[in-house]
Amino acid sequence: MTTGSVIVSDATTLIVLQKQQNLSLLCLLFQQVLVPETVYQELLAGLAKETILEKPNCIVVEKVELSTQLENLLLFLDAGEAEAIELAAVKQLPLIIDEKKGRKVAQYMGLTITGLAGLLILAVRKKTLTAVQAQVILDRAIQDGYRFSSSLYQQVTQCFSDLD
């Protein structure tokens, strides 16, 4: 993944970044972030009632047409994940997805995937964030309920240190 590129996103990372008022980080890493309508609705639903989403310019909401492949994905994934995978597959773009089952399906379909940790590593690598800033975002996400194995946490933390 390179800066200035286009990527598709599922909801989890968007919600995590929005809760920390860091959604604009995506615009520093990508020219466009395509978000299926269902994912955008999940993002809005994940906000506190009094919060108004100021959607960064790089986030483009797209309608995903129902297809046989999408119908099949909907049999075992939630609508947001299924639409994000479908959009990435149709447009041949990488995908931001964090849920384990969705990641496995996307990998099986040959999609390039990343998640919150991968984006934070990319941000440190590109000097968009310092290692300390990335660590704070990751730690807050975990405090807010983002699930992350301790071994992966150690790997990511080490990567931040190595890149800083």
Protein backbone atom coordinates (compact mmCIF):
# COMPACT_ATOMS: atom_id res chain seq x y z
CA MET A 1 0.00 0.00 0.00
CA THR A 2 1.30 3.40 -0.92
CA THR A 3 0.35 6.87 0.14
CA GLY A 4 -1.94 8.51 -2.38
CA SER A 5 -3.65 5.25 -3.23
CA VAL A 6 -7.26 4.14 -2.90
CA ILE A 7 -8.46 1.60 -0.33
CA VAL A 8 -11.83 0.18 0.80
CA SER A 9 -12.76 0.12 4.49
CA ASP A 10 -15.00 -1.88 6.77
CA ALA A 11 -16.42 -0.15 9.86
CA THR A 12 -14.27 -1.18 12.84
CA THR A 13 -11.16 0.89 12.10
CA LEU A 14 -13.31 3.85 11.04
CA ILE A 15 -15.21 3.73 14.34
CA VAL A 16 -12.01 3.39 16.39
CA LEU A 17 -10.38 6.35 14.65
CA GLN A 18 -13.54 8.48 14.81
CA LYS A 19 -13.96 7.88 18.55
CA GLN A 20 -10.42 9.21 18.98
CA GLN A 21 -11.03 12.08 16.54
CA ASN A 22 -8.36 10.68 14.23
CA LEU A 23 -10.48 9.76 11.20
CA SER A 24 -8.57 12.32 9.13
CA LEU A 25 -5.44 10.14 9.56
CA LEU A 26 -6.80 8.07 6.68
CA CYS A 27 -6.62 11.13 4.39
CA LEU A 28 -2.93 11.49 5.20
CA LEU A 29 -2.33 7.90 4.17
CA PHE A 30 -4.70 7.47 1.21
CA GLN A 31 -6.07 9.62 -1.59
CA GLN A 32 -9.50 7.97 -1.20
CA VAL A 33 -11.12 5.61 1.26
CA LEU A 34 -14.15 3.95 -0.32
CA VAL A 35 -16.84 3.03 2.19
CA PRO A 36 -19.97 1.03 1.33
CA GLU A 37 -23.24 2.72 2.38
CA THR A 38 -23.90 -0.01 4.97
CA VAL A 39 -20.46 0.53 6.53
CA TYR A 40 -21.08 4.29 6.65
CA GLN A 41 -24.37 3.66 8.48
CA GLU A 42 -22.49 1.41 10.95
CA LEU A 43 -19.99 4.23 11.49
CA LEU A 44 -22.80 6.69 12.21
CA ALA A 45 -24.49 4.18 14.54
CA GLY A 46 -21.21 3.72 16.41
CA LEU A 47 -21.01 7.41 17.31
CA ALA A 48 -22.34 8.92 20.51
CA LYS A 49 -25.76 10.52 19.95
CA GLU A 50 -24.48 14.06 20.42
CA THR A 51 -21.59 13.56 18.00
CA ILE A 52 -21.81 14.95 14.49
CA LEU A 53 -19.57 13.21 12.00
CA GLU A 54 -17.40 15.56 10.02
CA LYS A 55 -16.61 13.23 7.16
CA PRO A 56 -13.11 13.87 5.80
CA ASN A 57 -12.96 14.62 2.08
CA CYS A 58 -11.03 11.44 1.32
CA ILE A 59 -13.91 9.24 2.48
CA VAL A 60 -16.24 8.42 -0.39
CA VAL A 61 -19.47 6.53 0.32
CA GLU A 62 -20.42 4.07 -2.43
CA LYS A 63 -23.49 1.99 -3.13
CA VAL A 64 -22.66 -1.69 -3.54
CA GLU A 65 -24.86 -3.51 -6.04
CA LEU A 66 -26.31 -6.85 -5.03
CA SER A 67 -24.57 -9.70 -6.85
CA THR A 68 -24.41 -13.45 -6.49
CA GLN A 69 -21.07 -13.10 -4.75
CA LEU A 70 -22.48 -10.52 -2.31
CA GLU A 71 -25.48 -12.76 -1.61
CA ASN A 72 -23.06 -15.59 -0.77
CA LEU A 73 -20.97 -13.35 1.48
CA LEU A 74 -24.12 -12.25 3.31
CA LEU A 75 -24.79 -15.87 4.29
CA PHE A 76 -21.95 -15.83 6.82
CA LEU A 77 -20.77 -12.22 7.26
CA ASP A 78 -22.54 -9.13 8.48
CA ALA A 79 -23.74 -6.71 5.80
CA GLY A 80 -20.95 -4.17 6.29
CA GLU A 81 -18.16 -6.73 6.05
CA ALA A 82 -19.80 -8.42 3.07
CA GLU A 83 -20.24 -5.14 1.19
CA ALA A 84 -16.69 -3.99 1.98
CA ILE A 85 -15.25 -7.28 0.70
CA GLU A 86 -17.48 -7.14 -2.40
CA LEU A 87 -16.48 -3.52 -3.16
CA ALA A 88 -12.78 -4.31 -2.74
CA ALA A 89 -13.12 -7.40 -4.94
CA VAL A 90 -15.05 -5.61 -7.69
CA LYS A 91 -12.68 -2.62 -7.75
CA GLN A 92 -9.57 -4.76 -7.17
CA LEU A 93 -8.50 -2.63 -4.20
CA PRO A 94 -6.93 -3.39 -0.84
CA LEU A 95 -9.23 -3.59 2.18
CA ILE A 96 -9.14 -2.34 5.77
CA ILE A 97 -10.84 -5.05 7.81
CA ASP A 98 -10.29 -6.14 11.40
CA GLU A 99 -12.76 -8.94 12.18
CA LYS A 100 -11.13 -12.36 12.01
CA LYS A 101 -13.82 -14.12 9.93
CA GLY A 102 -13.99 -11.26 7.41
CA ARG A 103 -10.19 -11.15 7.12
CA LYS A 104 -10.07 -14.88 6.38
CA VAL A 105 -12.73 -14.57 3.68
CA ALA A 106 -11.00 -11.57 2.10
CA GLN A 107 -7.64 -13.38 2.11
CA TYR A 108 -9.25 -16.47 0.62
CA MET A 109 -10.59 -14.24 -2.18
CA GLY A 110 -7.08 -12.96 -2.83
CA LEU A 111 -7.59 -9.45 -1.48
CA THR A 112 -4.79 -7.45 0.09
CA ILE A 113 -5.88 -6.64 3.63
CA THR A 114 -4.77 -4.53 6.53
CA GLY A 115 -6.32 -3.49 9.81
CA LEU A 116 -5.93 -0.83 12.46
CA ALA A 117 -2.45 -2.07 13.46
CA GLY A 118 -1.28 -2.12 9.85
CA LEU A 119 -2.51 1.42 9.30
CA LEU A 120 -0.75 2.63 12.43
CA ILE A 121 2.49 0.94 11.32
CA LEU A 122 2.11 2.56 7.88
CA ALA A 123 1.55 5.95 9.53
CA VAL A 124 4.73 5.58 11.60
CA ARG A 125 6.67 4.35 8.56
CA LYS A 126 5.47 7.38 6.53
CA LYS A 127 6.25 9.70 9.49
CA THR A 128 2.59 10.73 9.63
CA LEU A 129 2.54 9.64 13.28
CA THR A 130 5.32 9.13 15.78
CA ALA A 131 5.65 5.73 17.42
CA VAL A 132 4.31 7.25 20.65
CA GLN A 133 1.22 8.68 18.90
CA ALA A 134 0.51 5.37 17.19
CA GLN A 135 0.92 3.52 20.48
CA VAL A 136 -1.54 5.89 22.18
CA ILE A 137 -4.16 5.28 19.44
CA LEU A 138 -3.70 1.51 19.73
CA ASP A 139 -3.84 1.53 23.54
CA ARG A 140 -6.99 3.70 23.58
CA ALA A 141 -8.62 1.40 21.05
CA ILE A 142 -7.90 -1.60 23.28
CA GLN A 143 -9.23 0.29 26.34
CA ASP A 144 -12.42 0.96 24.34
CA GLY A 145 -12.89 -2.75 23.63
CA TYR A 146 -10.89 -3.33 20.44
CA ARG A 147 -9.73 -6.95 20.63
CA PHE A 148 -6.06 -7.60 20.01
CA SER A 149 -4.01 -10.66 21.02
CA SER A 150 -1.15 -9.99 23.42
CA SER A 151 1.38 -11.54 21.02
CA LEU A 152 0.24 -9.32 18.14
CA TYR A 153 0.27 -6.32 20.49
CA GLN A 154 3.90 -7.05 21.35
CA GLN A 155 4.83 -7.43 17.67
CA VAL A 156 3.14 -4.15 16.72
CA THR A 157 4.66 -2.28 19.67
CA GLN A 158 8.10 -3.59 18.69
CA CYS A 159 7.50 -2.52 15.11
CA PHE A 160 6.62 1.02 16.28
CA SER A 161 9.89 1.15 18.23
CA ASP A 162 11.93 -0.16 15.29
CA LEU A 163 10.45 2.43 12.93
CA ASP A 164 10.73 5.44 15.21
